[in-house]
Amino acid sequence: MAEEAAKKPVSADMLVGDILVEYPDSARLLMMCGMGCIQCPASQMESLSEACFVHGIDVEEVVKYLNVEMELEEL
């Protein structure tokens, strides 16, 4: 439980691949946001901001959603 508390919140500049490794629950959440291709090779080198831009999704909304749903930040 202490390890969970030490995790830092997701940010727009983090690579999608790193987010998926650090936060396994994020895969389902990202797909719910409209990112169905999170397993593609580009996700390993693409920031969350870049991925949101490509998919026409507001990155700030996605960051807030991920952090709240994974209990990394409060509303």
PDB file of N, CA and C in Angstrom:
ATOM      1  N   MET A   1       0.826  -1.184   0.000  1.00  0.00           N
ATOM      2  CA  MET A   1       0.000   0.000   0.000  1.00  0.00           C
ATOM      3  C   MET A   1       0.877   1.257   0.000  1.00  0.00           C
ATOM      4  N   ALA A   2       1.962   1.263   0.736  1.00  0.00           N
ATOM      5  CA  ALA A   2       2.850   2.424   0.774  1.00  0.00           C
ATOM      6  C   ALA A   2       3.457   2.684  -0.593  1.00  0.00           C
ATOM      7  N   GLU A   3       3.707   1.615  -1.353  1.00  0.00           N
ATOM      8  CA  GLU A   3       4.262   1.761  -2.697  1.00  0.00           C
ATOM      9  C   GLU A   3       3.286   2.516  -3.591  1.00  0.00           C
ATOM     10  N   GLU A   4       1.988   2.231  -3.476  1.00  0.00           N
ATOM     11  CA  GLU A   4       0.965   2.921  -4.254  1.00  0.00           C
ATOM     12  C   GLU A   4       0.982   4.418  -3.929  1.00  0.00           C
ATOM     13  N   ALA A   5       1.108   4.759  -2.665  1.00  0.00           N
ATOM     14  CA  ALA A   5       1.085   6.152  -2.250  1.00  0.00           C
ATOM     15  C   ALA A   5       2.282   6.919  -2.791  1.00  0.00           C
ATOM     16  N   ALA A   6       3.384   6.229  -3.065  1.00  0.00           N
ATOM     17  CA  ALA A   6       4.597   6.872  -3.532  1.00  0.00           C
ATOM     18  C   ALA A   6       4.568   7.161  -5.029  1.00  0.00           C
ATOM     19  N   LYS A   7       3.602   6.599  -5.757  1.00  0.00           N
ATOM     20  CA  LYS A   7       3.551   6.804  -7.195  1.00  0.00           C
ATOM     21  C   LYS A   7       3.163   8.238  -7.510  1.00  0.00           C
ATOM     22  N   LYS A   8       3.862   8.806  -8.493  1.00  0.00           N
ATOM     23  CA  LYS A   8       3.555  10.176  -8.875  1.00  0.00           C
ATOM     24  C   LYS A   8       2.420  10.184  -9.892  1.00  0.00           C
ATOM     25  N   PRO A   9       1.683  11.268  -9.940  1.00  0.00           N
ATOM     26  CA  PRO A   9       0.571  11.379 -10.881  1.00  0.00           C
ATOM     27  C   PRO A   9       1.031  11.323 -12.337  1.00  0.00           C
ATOM     28  N   VAL A  10       0.138  10.899 -13.192  1.00  0.00           N
ATOM     29  CA  VAL A  10       0.386  10.880 -14.633  1.00  0.00           C
ATOM     30  C   VAL A  10       0.429  12.324 -15.115  1.00  0.00           C
ATOM     31  N   SER A  11       1.317  12.606 -16.064  1.00  0.00           N
ATOM     32  CA  SER A  11       1.397  13.940 -16.654  1.00  0.00           C
ATOM     33  C   SER A  11       1.369  13.824 -18.177  1.00  0.00           C
ATOM     34  N   ALA A  12       1.061  14.915 -18.832  1.00  0.00           N
ATOM     35  CA  ALA A  12       0.909  14.940 -20.283  1.00  0.00           C
ATOM     36  C   ALA A  12       2.203  14.606 -21.020  1.00  0.00           C
ATOM     37  N   ASP A  13       3.356  14.871 -20.402  1.00  0.00           N
ATOM     38  CA  ASP A  13       4.621  14.631 -21.082  1.00  0.00           C
ATOM     39  C   ASP A  13       5.158  13.209 -20.906  1.00  0.00           C
ATOM     40  N   MET A  14       4.467  12.382 -20.136  1.00  0.00           N
ATOM     41  CA  MET A  14       4.902  10.996 -19.952  1.00  0.00           C
ATOM     42  C   MET A  14       4.625  10.189 -21.214  1.00  0.00           C
ATOM     43  N   LEU A  15       5.510   9.235 -21.517  1.00  0.00           N
ATOM     44  CA  LEU A  15       5.289   8.357 -22.663  1.00  0.00           C
ATOM     45  C   LEU A  15       4.152   7.393 -22.349  1.00  0.00           C
ATOM     46  N   VAL A  16       3.310   7.151 -23.339  1.00  0.00           N
ATOM     47  CA  VAL A  16       2.183   6.233 -23.151  1.00  0.00           C
ATOM     48  C   VAL A  16       2.697   4.864 -22.721  1.00  0.00           C
ATOM     49  N   GLY A  17       3.768   4.383 -23.344  1.00  0.00           N
ATOM     50  CA  GLY A  17       4.341   3.090 -22.979  1.00  0.00           C
ATOM     51  C   GLY A  17       4.776   3.034 -21.524  1.00  0.00           C
ATOM     52  N   ASP A  18       5.355   4.128 -21.029  1.00  0.00           N
ATOM     53  CA  ASP A  18       5.779   4.179 -19.626  1.00  0.00           C
ATOM     54  C   ASP A  18       4.573   4.188 -18.685  1.00  0.00           C
ATOM     55  N   ILE A  19       3.530   4.900 -19.083  1.00  0.00           N
ATOM     56  CA  ILE A  19       2.306   4.928 -18.269  1.00  0.00           C
ATOM     57  C   ILE A  19       1.727   3.522 -18.160  1.00  0.00           C
ATOM     58  N   LEU A  20       1.688   2.808 -19.278  1.00  0.00           N
ATOM     59  CA  LEU A  20       1.128   1.455 -19.288  1.00  0.00           C
ATOM     60  C   LEU A  20       1.927   0.501 -18.404  1.00  0.00           C
ATOM     61  N   VAL A  21       3.235   0.660 -18.381  1.00  0.00           N
ATOM     62  CA  VAL A  21       4.083  -0.191 -17.542  1.00  0.00           C
ATOM     63  C   VAL A  21       3.921   0.163 -16.068  1.00  0.00           C
ATOM     64  N   GLU A  22       3.961   1.444 -15.762  1.00  0.00           N
ATOM     65  CA  GLU A  22       3.889   1.906 -14.373  1.00  0.00           C
ATOM     66  C   GLU A  22       2.498   1.714 -13.758  1.00  0.00           C
ATOM     67  N   TYR A  23       1.475   1.893 -14.585  1.00  0.00           N
ATOM     68  CA  TYR A  23       0.088   1.828 -14.107  1.00  0.00           C
ATOM     69  C   TYR A  23      -0.716   0.879 -15.006  1.00  0.00           C
ATOM     70  N   PRO A  24      -0.663  -0.419 -14.752  1.00  0.00           N
ATOM     71  CA  PRO A  24      -1.353  -1.392 -15.617  1.00  0.00           C
ATOM     72  C   PRO A  24      -2.848  -1.101 -15.803  1.00  0.00           C
ATOM     73  N   ASP A  25      -3.500  -0.532 -14.800  1.00  0.00           N
ATOM     74  CA  ASP A  25      -4.927  -0.209 -14.925  1.00  0.00           C
ATOM     75  C   ASP A  25      -5.188   0.896 -15.954  1.00  0.00           C
ATOM     76  N   SER A  26      -4.152   1.606 -16.331  1.00  0.00           N
ATOM     77  CA  SER A  26      -4.335   2.713 -17.266  1.00  0.00           C
ATOM     78  C   SER A  26      -4.756   2.245 -18.656  1.00  0.00           C
ATOM     79  N   ALA A  27      -4.435   1.023 -19.036  1.00  0.00           N
ATOM     80  CA  ALA A  27      -4.794   0.526 -20.369  1.00  0.00           C
ATOM     81  C   ALA A  27      -6.307   0.602 -20.572  1.00  0.00           C
ATOM     82  N   ARG A  28      -7.049   0.069 -19.647  1.00  0.00           N
ATOM     83  CA  ARG A  28      -8.515   0.079 -19.737  1.00  0.00           C
ATOM     84  C   ARG A  28      -9.029   1.516 -19.740  1.00  0.00           C
ATOM     85  N   LEU A  29      -8.454   2.347 -18.884  1.00  0.00           N
ATOM     86  CA  LEU A  29      -8.905   3.734 -18.775  1.00  0.00           C
ATOM     87  C   LEU A  29      -8.619   4.520 -20.049  1.00  0.00           C
ATOM     88  N   LEU A  30      -7.447   4.310 -20.641  1.00  0.00           N
ATOM     89  CA  LEU A  30      -7.115   4.998 -21.884  1.00  0.00           C
ATOM     90  C   LEU A  30      -8.044   4.562 -23.010  1.00  0.00           C
ATOM     91  N   MET A  31      -8.376   3.284 -23.058  1.00  0.00           N
ATOM     92  CA  MET A  31      -9.303   2.802 -24.082  1.00  0.00           C
ATOM     93  C   MET A  31     -10.681   3.432 -23.890  1.00  0.00           C
ATOM     94  N   MET A  32     -11.074   3.625 -22.645  1.00  0.00           N
ATOM     95  CA  MET A  32     -12.360   4.269 -22.373  1.00  0.00           C
ATOM     96  C   MET A  32     -12.364   5.727 -22.830  1.00  0.00           C
ATOM     97  N   CYS A  33     -11.187   6.327 -22.918  1.00  0.00           N
ATOM     98  CA  CYS A  33     -11.066   7.713 -23.384  1.00  0.00           C
ATOM     99  C   CYS A  33     -11.050   7.810 -24.910  1.00  0.00           C
ATOM    100  N   GLY A  34     -10.987   6.676 -25.590  1.00  0.00           N
ATOM    101  CA  GLY A  34     -10.976   6.684 -27.051  1.00  0.00           C
ATOM    102  C   GLY A  34      -9.653   6.308 -27.672  1.00  0.00           C
ATOM    103  N   MET A  35      -8.719   5.841 -26.858  1.00  0.00           N
ATOM    104  CA  MET A  35      -7.425   5.413 -27.388  1.00  0.00           C
ATOM    105  C   MET A  35      -7.402   3.892 -27.490  1.00  0.00           C
ATOM    106  N   GLY A  36      -7.960   3.383 -28.563  1.00  0.00           N
ATOM    107  CA  GLY A  36      -8.047   1.941 -28.758  1.00  0.00           C
ATOM    108  C   GLY A  36      -6.757   1.303 -29.225  1.00  0.00           C
ATOM    109  N   CYS A  37      -5.795   2.101 -29.617  1.00  0.00           N
ATOM    110  CA  CYS A  37      -4.565   1.535 -30.189  1.00  0.00           C
ATOM    111  C   CYS A  37      -3.370   1.694 -29.237  1.00  0.00           C
ATOM    112  N   ILE A  38      -3.611   1.563 -27.962  1.00  0.00           N
ATOM    113  CA  ILE A  38      -2.540   1.788 -26.989  1.00  0.00           C
ATOM    114  C   ILE A  38      -1.428   0.753 -27.060  1.00  0.00           C
ATOM    115  N   GLN A  39      -1.684  -0.375 -27.698  1.00  0.00           N
ATOM    116  CA  GLN A  39      -0.661  -1.410 -27.814  1.00  0.00           C
ATOM    117  C   GLN A  39       0.195  -1.263 -29.066  1.00  0.00           C
ATOM    118  N   CYS A  40      -0.069  -0.261 -29.895  1.00  0.00           N
ATOM    119  CA  CYS A  40       0.705  -0.092 -31.122  1.00  0.00           C
ATOM    120  C   CYS A  40       2.124   0.351 -30.782  1.00  0.00           C
ATOM    121  N   PRO A  41       3.078   0.049 -31.640  1.00  0.00           N
ATOM    122  CA  PRO A  41       4.476   0.413 -31.368  1.00  0.00           C
ATOM    123  C   PRO A  41       4.699   1.905 -31.126  1.00  0.00           C
ATOM    124  N   ALA A  42       3.895   2.755 -31.738  1.00  0.00           N
ATOM    125  CA  ALA A  42       4.064   4.205 -31.557  1.00  0.00           C
ATOM    126  C   ALA A  42       3.876   4.615 -30.110  1.00  0.00           C
ATOM    127  N   SER A  43       3.067   3.858 -29.352  1.00  0.00           N
ATOM    128  CA  SER A  43       2.805   4.241 -27.961  1.00  0.00           C
ATOM    129  C   SER A  43       4.061   4.186 -27.102  1.00  0.00           C
ATOM    130  N   GLN A  44       5.034   3.426 -27.525  1.00  0.00           N
ATOM    131  CA  GLN A  44       6.269   3.316 -26.760  1.00  0.00           C
ATOM    132  C   GLN A  44       7.103   4.593 -26.821  1.00  0.00           C
ATOM    133  N   MET A  45       6.903   5.381 -27.886  1.00  0.00           N
ATOM    134  CA  MET A  45       7.716   6.582 -28.082  1.00  0.00           C
ATOM    135  C   MET A  45       6.899   7.859 -28.111  1.00  0.00           C
ATOM    136  N   GLU A  46       5.600   7.761 -27.875  1.00  0.00           N
ATOM    137  CA  GLU A  46       4.704   8.901 -27.989  1.00  0.00           C
ATOM    138  C   GLU A  46       4.276   9.374 -26.601  1.00  0.00           C
ATOM    139  N   SER A  47       4.326  10.674 -26.371  1.00  0.00           N
ATOM    140  CA  SER A  47       3.853  11.197 -25.087  1.00  0.00           C
ATOM    141  C   SER A  47       2.331  11.125 -25.054  1.00  0.00           C
ATOM    142  N   LEU A  48       1.784  11.196 -23.871  1.00  0.00           N
ATOM    143  CA  LEU A  48       0.335  11.209 -23.731  1.00  0.00           C
ATOM    144  C   LEU A  48      -0.240  12.413 -24.466  1.00  0.00           C
ATOM    145  N   SER A  49       0.437  13.536 -24.399  1.00  0.00           N
ATOM    146  CA  SER A  49       0.003  14.740 -25.094  1.00  0.00           C
ATOM    147  C   SER A  49      -0.060  14.509 -26.605  1.00  0.00           C
ATOM    148  N   GLU A  50       0.978  13.899 -27.160  1.00  0.00           N
ATOM    149  CA  GLU A  50       1.008  13.612 -28.600  1.00  0.00           C
ATOM    150  C   GLU A  50      -0.091  12.629 -28.987  1.00  0.00           C
ATOM    151  N   ALA A  51      -0.283  11.598 -28.182  1.00  0.00           N
ATOM    152  CA  ALA A  51      -1.313  10.601 -28.475  1.00  0.00           C
ATOM    153  C   ALA A  51      -2.705  11.232 -28.430  1.00  0.00           C
ATOM    154  N   CYS A  52      -2.942  12.094 -27.468  1.00  0.00           N
ATOM    155  CA  CYS A  52      -4.236  12.772 -27.379  1.00  0.00           C
ATOM    156  C   CYS A  52      -4.454  13.671 -28.584  1.00  0.00           C
ATOM    157  N   PHE A  53      -3.409  14.359 -29.004  1.00  0.00           N
ATOM    158  CA  PHE A  53      -3.510  15.232 -30.175  1.00  0.00           C
ATOM    159  C   PHE A  53      -3.910  14.427 -31.408  1.00  0.00           C
ATOM    160  N   VAL A  54      -3.248  13.296 -31.627  1.00  0.00           N
ATOM    161  CA  VAL A  54      -3.527  12.441 -32.789  1.00  0.00           C
ATOM    162  C   VAL A  54      -4.971  11.953 -32.769  1.00  0.00           C
ATOM    163  N   HIS A  55      -5.492  11.680 -31.575  1.00  0.00           N
ATOM    164  CA  HIS A  55      -6.849  11.146 -31.446  1.00  0.00           C
ATOM    165  C   HIS A  55      -7.907  12.243 -31.246  1.00  0.00           C
ATOM    166  N   GLY A  56      -7.474  13.506 -31.217  1.00  0.00           N
ATOM    167  CA  GLY A  56      -8.419  14.606 -31.054  1.00  0.00           C
ATOM    168  C   GLY A  56      -9.061  14.642 -29.679  1.00  0.00           C
ATOM    169  N   ILE A  57      -8.271  14.281 -28.666  1.00  0.00           N
ATOM    170  CA  ILE A  57      -8.778  14.216 -27.290  1.00  0.00           C
ATOM    171  C   ILE A  57      -8.058  15.282 -26.458  1.00  0.00           C
ATOM    172  N   ASP A  58      -8.766  15.909 -25.538  1.00  0.00           N
ATOM    173  CA  ASP A  58      -8.182  16.922 -24.661  1.00  0.00           C
ATOM    174  C   ASP A  58      -7.270  16.250 -23.638  1.00  0.00           C
ATOM    175  N   VAL A  59      -5.985  16.529 -23.716  1.00  0.00           N
ATOM    176  CA  VAL A  59      -5.003  15.864 -22.853  1.00  0.00           C
ATOM    177  C   VAL A  59      -5.223  16.191 -21.380  1.00  0.00           C
ATOM    178  N   GLU A  60      -5.625  17.414 -21.071  1.00  0.00           N
ATOM    179  CA  GLU A  60      -5.829  17.784 -19.664  1.00  0.00           C
ATOM    180  C   GLU A  60      -6.973  16.980 -19.048  1.00  0.00           C
ATOM    181  N   GLU A  61      -8.012  16.739 -19.827  1.00  0.00           N
ATOM    182  CA  GLU A  61      -9.123  15.919 -19.342  1.00  0.00           C
ATOM    183  C   GLU A  61      -8.679  14.480 -19.108  1.00  0.00           C
ATOM    184  N   VAL A  62      -7.857  13.954 -20.015  1.00  0.00           N
ATOM    185  CA  VAL A  62      -7.367  12.581 -19.880  1.00  0.00           C
ATOM    186  C   VAL A  62      -6.457  12.462 -18.659  1.00  0.00           C
ATOM    187  N   VAL A  63      -5.564  13.416 -18.474  1.00  0.00           N
ATOM    188  CA  VAL A  63      -4.653  13.402 -17.319  1.00  0.00           C
ATOM    189  C   VAL A  63      -5.461  13.424 -16.021  1.00  0.00           C
ATOM    190  N   LYS A  64      -6.431  14.313 -15.949  1.00  0.00           N
ATOM    191  CA  LYS A  64      -7.254  14.419 -14.744  1.00  0.00           C
ATOM    192  C   LYS A  64      -8.020  13.111 -14.512  1.00  0.00           C
ATOM    193  N   TYR A  65      -8.618  12.565 -15.572  1.00  0.00           N
ATOM    194  CA  TYR A  65      -9.383  11.319 -15.483  1.00  0.00           C
ATOM    195  C   TYR A  65      -8.507  10.175 -14.979  1.00  0.00           C
ATOM    196  N   LEU A  66      -7.333  10.001 -15.577  1.00  0.00           N
ATOM    197  CA  LEU A  66      -6.433   8.917 -15.168  1.00  0.00           C
ATOM    198  C   LEU A  66      -6.035   9.057 -13.702  1.00  0.00           C
ATOM    199  N   ASN A  67      -5.633  10.246 -13.320  1.00  0.00           N
ATOM    200  CA  ASN A  67      -5.159  10.453 -11.951  1.00  0.00           C
ATOM    201  C   ASN A  67      -6.259  10.255 -10.916  1.00  0.00           C
ATOM    202  N   VAL A  68      -7.453  10.689 -11.222  1.00  0.00           N
ATOM    203  CA  VAL A  68      -8.561  10.504 -10.283  1.00  0.00           C
ATOM    204  C   VAL A  68      -8.959   9.022 -10.222  1.00  0.00           C
ATOM    205  N   GLU A  69      -9.120   8.400 -11.376  1.00  0.00           N
ATOM    206  CA  GLU A  69      -9.553   7.002 -11.410  1.00  0.00           C
ATOM    207  C   GLU A  69      -8.531   6.057 -10.759  1.00  0.00           C
ATOM    208  N   MET A  70      -7.246   6.364 -10.900  1.00  0.00           N
ATOM    209  CA  MET A  70      -6.208   5.514 -10.317  1.00  0.00           C
ATOM    210  C   MET A  70      -5.817   5.987  -8.920  1.00  0.00           C
ATOM    211  N   GLU A  71      -6.566   6.968  -8.405  1.00  0.00           N
ATOM    212  CA  GLU A  71      -6.367   7.506  -7.058  1.00  0.00           C
ATOM    213  C   GLU A  71      -4.955   8.040  -6.834  1.00  0.00           C
ATOM    214  N   LEU A  72      -4.426   8.721  -7.856  1.00  0.00           N
ATOM    215  CA  LEU A  72      -3.117   9.356  -7.762  1.00  0.00           C
ATOM    216  C   LEU A  72      -3.255  10.817  -7.370  1.00  0.00           C
ATOM    217  N   GLU A  73      -4.446  11.363  -7.600  1.00  0.00           N
ATOM    218  CA  GLU A  73      -4.777  12.743  -7.220  1.00  0.00           C
ATOM    219  C   GLU A  73      -6.255  12.788  -6.896  1.00  0.00           C
ATOM    220  N   GLU A  74      -6.617  13.772  -6.099  1.00  0.00           N
ATOM    221  CA  GLU A  74      -8.024  13.986  -5.806  1.00  0.00           C
ATOM    222  C   GLU A  74      -8.586  15.029  -6.755  1.00  0.00           C
ATOM    223  N   LEU A  75      -9.888  15.042  -6.881  1.00  0.00           N
ATOM    224  CA  LEU A  75     -10.565  16.022  -7.742  1.00  0.00           C
ATOM    225  C   LEU A  75     -10.320  17.433  -7.308  1.00  0.00           C
TER     226      LEU A  75
END
